[in-house]
Structure formats: C-alpha cells, structure tokens
Amino acid sequence: MTTCRWARSSAIPTAPAAPERHRRKLRAWESRNNTGRLVRKQTGTRVGETTIPAAITLHEGDFGSKAVIVLRVFKTLSVDSDLAFTVVERPAIGSVLVLDRPGDEAELVHVAANRQAADEWLSRNGYPNAMLREVTADEAAADQVEGRAA
C-alpha cells in the first residue's frame, strides 16, 4: 500500500476557491479540490452481475476539541471518477506505517517517525491486530520509477 497525502482536483481546470462567506459554493469547491491522506486501497470486485470498480479512501481530517476527536472525515472515491490525483507528500524512508490489521483490507491509522514511536502510539491507542511496516528505500524508489497511483 503506497501511503501519502493526495490532492484532488477535477480534470477540468479549476477555478479559484469561493470566498468564505459563500459557504455552499466553498463546500462544493472543496468537495472537488482538497487534500487527504491515502488510508486504504480497494481492488475492484464483481458481485453477481454487478462490477464494483477499484476505489481509494482518503482521510480528510479530524474534528474535536481539547485533544478529543469527535468526528473523523473519510471520503471513498472510485478510481474511475473524473478527478485527477496528485501525490503531495510520501512518508519518509525509515518511518513506520501502522496498519489496523494484516492483509489487503488493511487501513492506515498512523505514520510514526520510527519503530519506537510506533510502539508508543500503539500502547496508547488500542489496535490489537495492528501491523507495523517500515518504509524502505526500495519501496520509495519503486513507487517513483513505476509511477504508481491508486
């Protein structure tokens, strides 16, 4: 799973953001032009006669107060959508990805600077089936050479 933050914008050249006072227009603009951290990739499947295309899930942000998260915002988008995705940032080599479970259905829950920081984070946040994966130089190079996307 390649993890990074993604900027998304429509395939049509984007207009500048609406002013803050135009809340509806600004929210509509943000739904097509925003950033988020890639937390999950899902392969396309076929259920009976229905084909479900591959999709990615982006974590757009957390809302709350005084270090208590009340709401987490995720957006799942089909890779067939008309949006264009651009890698804004990749995890640093040596950082550790904390995935909620092993396997293809894993979801990224945290990116730690190193193994010790990942272990400390896990001790404070209960993910009993968590899997840790270090970002290697080989993985980072393969992503750039192969031009991997969602």
Protein backbone atom coordinates (compact mmCIF):
# COMPACT_ATOMS: atom_id res chain seq x y z
CA MET A 1 0.00 0.00 0.00
CA THR A 2 1.50 3.29 -1.09
CA THR A 3 0.71 5.87 1.51
CA CYS A 4 0.78 9.59 1.01
CA ARG A 5 -1.36 12.63 1.01
CA TRP A 6 -3.27 13.27 -2.19
CA ALA A 7 -4.51 16.47 -3.70
CA ARG A 8 -7.52 16.01 -5.84
CA SER A 9 -8.95 18.27 -8.45
CA SER A 10 -11.29 17.81 -11.37
CA ALA A 11 -9.94 17.00 -14.78
CA ILE A 12 -11.33 20.37 -15.90
CA PRO A 13 -9.08 23.32 -14.95
CA THR A 14 -10.19 24.50 -11.53
CA ALA A 15 -11.48 27.91 -10.65
CA PRO A 16 -10.17 29.67 -7.54
CA ALA A 17 -11.87 28.85 -4.25
CA ALA A 18 -15.07 30.72 -3.41
CA PRO A 19 -14.90 33.35 -0.66
CA GLU A 20 -15.58 32.19 2.93
CA ARG A 21 -18.94 33.99 3.00
CA HIS A 22 -20.26 31.77 0.18
CA ARG A 23 -20.44 28.61 2.29
CA ARG A 24 -22.29 26.38 -0.18
CA LYS A 25 -20.07 27.32 -3.10
CA LEU A 26 -16.96 26.88 -0.96
CA ARG A 27 -18.06 23.41 0.22
CA ALA A 28 -18.83 22.38 -3.37
CA TRP A 29 -15.40 23.61 -4.45
CA GLU A 30 -13.72 21.76 -1.55
CA SER A 31 -15.50 18.52 -2.46
CA ARG A 32 -13.69 18.62 -5.82
CA ASN A 33 -10.41 20.28 -4.70
CA ASN A 34 -8.97 19.12 -1.41
CA THR A 35 -6.25 17.07 0.19
CA GLY A 36 -6.21 13.96 2.31
CA ARG A 37 -4.07 11.06 3.40
CA LEU A 38 -4.46 7.83 1.48
CA VAL A 39 -5.50 5.26 4.07
CA ARG A 40 -6.92 2.40 2.04
CA LYS A 41 -6.96 0.90 -1.44
CA GLN A 42 -9.70 -1.49 -2.50
CA THR A 43 -9.49 -3.66 -5.58
CA GLY A 44 -12.38 -3.91 -7.99
CA THR A 45 -14.76 -6.81 -7.44
CA ARG A 46 -17.66 -8.48 -9.13
CA VAL A 47 -20.79 -9.39 -7.19
CA GLY A 48 -23.19 -11.34 -9.37
CA GLU A 49 -23.84 -9.18 -12.42
CA THR A 50 -22.58 -6.00 -10.74
CA THR A 51 -19.00 -4.80 -11.12
CA ILE A 52 -17.67 -2.60 -8.32
CA PRO A 53 -14.66 -0.57 -9.53
CA ALA A 54 -11.44 -0.16 -7.56
CA ALA A 55 -11.53 2.66 -5.02
CA ILE A 56 -9.34 4.61 -2.63
CA THR A 57 -10.23 6.03 0.76
CA LEU A 58 -8.81 9.38 1.85
CA HIS A 59 -8.72 10.67 5.42
CA GLU A 60 -9.60 14.34 5.09
CA GLY A 61 -9.37 15.37 8.73
CA ASP A 62 -10.42 15.10 12.35
CA PHE A 63 -12.73 17.41 14.25
CA GLY A 64 -13.00 17.89 18.00
CA SER A 65 -11.62 19.99 20.81
CA LYS A 66 -9.06 19.71 23.59
CA ALA A 67 -7.34 16.68 22.02
CA VAL A 68 -10.61 14.70 21.89
CA ILE A 69 -11.56 13.64 18.36
CA VAL A 70 -15.32 13.71 17.91
CA LEU A 71 -15.56 13.18 14.16
CA ARG A 72 -13.22 11.65 11.58
CA VAL A 73 -13.90 12.52 7.94
CA PHE A 74 -13.15 9.93 5.25
CA LYS A 75 -14.01 10.04 1.57
CA THR A 76 -14.05 6.96 -0.64
CA LEU A 77 -13.65 7.65 -4.33
CA SER A 78 -13.76 5.35 -7.32
CA VAL A 79 -10.62 5.34 -9.43
CA ASP A 80 -12.98 5.71 -12.39
CA SER A 81 -14.04 9.20 -11.23
CA ASP A 82 -13.24 12.30 -13.27
CA LEU A 83 -10.93 13.60 -10.54
CA ALA A 84 -7.16 13.81 -11.01
CA PHE A 85 -4.99 12.72 -8.08
CA THR A 86 -1.51 14.06 -7.39
CA VAL A 87 0.96 12.88 -4.77
CA VAL A 88 1.76 15.79 -2.47
CA GLU A 89 3.91 14.01 0.11
CA ARG A 90 5.23 10.50 0.70
CA PRO A 91 6.24 9.04 4.07
CA ALA A 92 9.93 9.46 4.79
CA ILE A 93 12.24 6.48 4.40
CA GLY A 94 12.56 4.81 7.80
CA SER A 95 9.14 5.91 9.01
CA VAL A 96 6.77 3.19 10.20
CA LEU A 97 3.22 2.70 8.91
CA VAL A 98 0.72 1.45 11.49
CA LEU A 99 -1.99 -0.59 9.76
CA ASP A 100 -5.13 -1.65 11.66
CA ARG A 101 -4.85 -5.31 10.54
CA PRO A 102 -2.79 -7.50 8.23
CA GLY A 103 -3.89 -8.26 4.69
CA ASP A 104 -5.27 -6.46 1.67
CA GLU A 105 -8.14 -4.85 3.61
CA ALA A 106 -5.74 -3.05 5.98
CA GLU A 107 -6.28 0.63 6.71
CA LEU A 108 -3.55 3.09 7.63
CA VAL A 109 -4.19 4.51 11.10
CA HIS A 110 -0.90 6.26 11.88
CA VAL A 111 2.50 7.14 10.43
CA ALA A 112 5.28 7.18 13.03
CA ALA A 113 8.78 8.58 12.66
CA ASN A 114 10.37 5.28 13.76
CA ARG A 115 9.63 1.86 15.29
CA GLN A 116 9.83 3.12 18.89
CA ALA A 117 7.35 5.94 18.19
CA ALA A 118 5.01 3.44 16.52
CA ASP A 119 5.17 1.12 19.55
CA GLU A 120 4.47 4.05 21.89
CA TRP A 121 1.50 5.15 19.77
CA LEU A 122 0.11 1.60 19.75
CA SER A 123 0.38 1.37 23.55
CA ARG A 124 -1.86 4.47 23.85
CA ASN A 125 -4.32 3.54 21.07
CA GLY A 126 -5.94 0.11 21.12
CA TYR A 127 -5.36 -1.77 17.88
CA PRO A 128 -4.83 -5.38 18.98
CA ASN A 129 -4.34 -6.74 15.43
CA ALA A 130 -2.14 -3.87 14.24
CA MET A 131 0.66 -4.49 11.81
CA LEU A 132 3.77 -2.31 11.57
CA ARG A 133 5.54 -1.79 8.25
CA GLU A 134 8.69 0.23 7.77
CA VAL A 135 9.05 2.39 4.66
CA THR A 136 12.20 1.23 2.87
CA ALA A 137 14.32 2.98 0.26
CA ASP A 138 13.48 0.19 -2.22
CA GLU A 139 9.73 0.75 -1.78
CA ALA A 140 10.03 4.52 -2.19
CA ALA A 141 12.20 4.12 -5.32
CA ALA A 142 9.78 1.59 -6.84
CA ASP A 143 6.86 3.97 -6.37
CA GLN A 144 8.66 6.74 -8.26
CA VAL A 145 10.09 4.54 -11.03
CA GLU A 146 6.84 2.68 -11.66
CA GLY A 147 4.74 5.83 -11.30
CA ARG A 148 2.32 4.01 -9.03
CA ALA A 149 -1.04 5.58 -8.43
CA ALA A 150 -4.23 4.45 -6.77
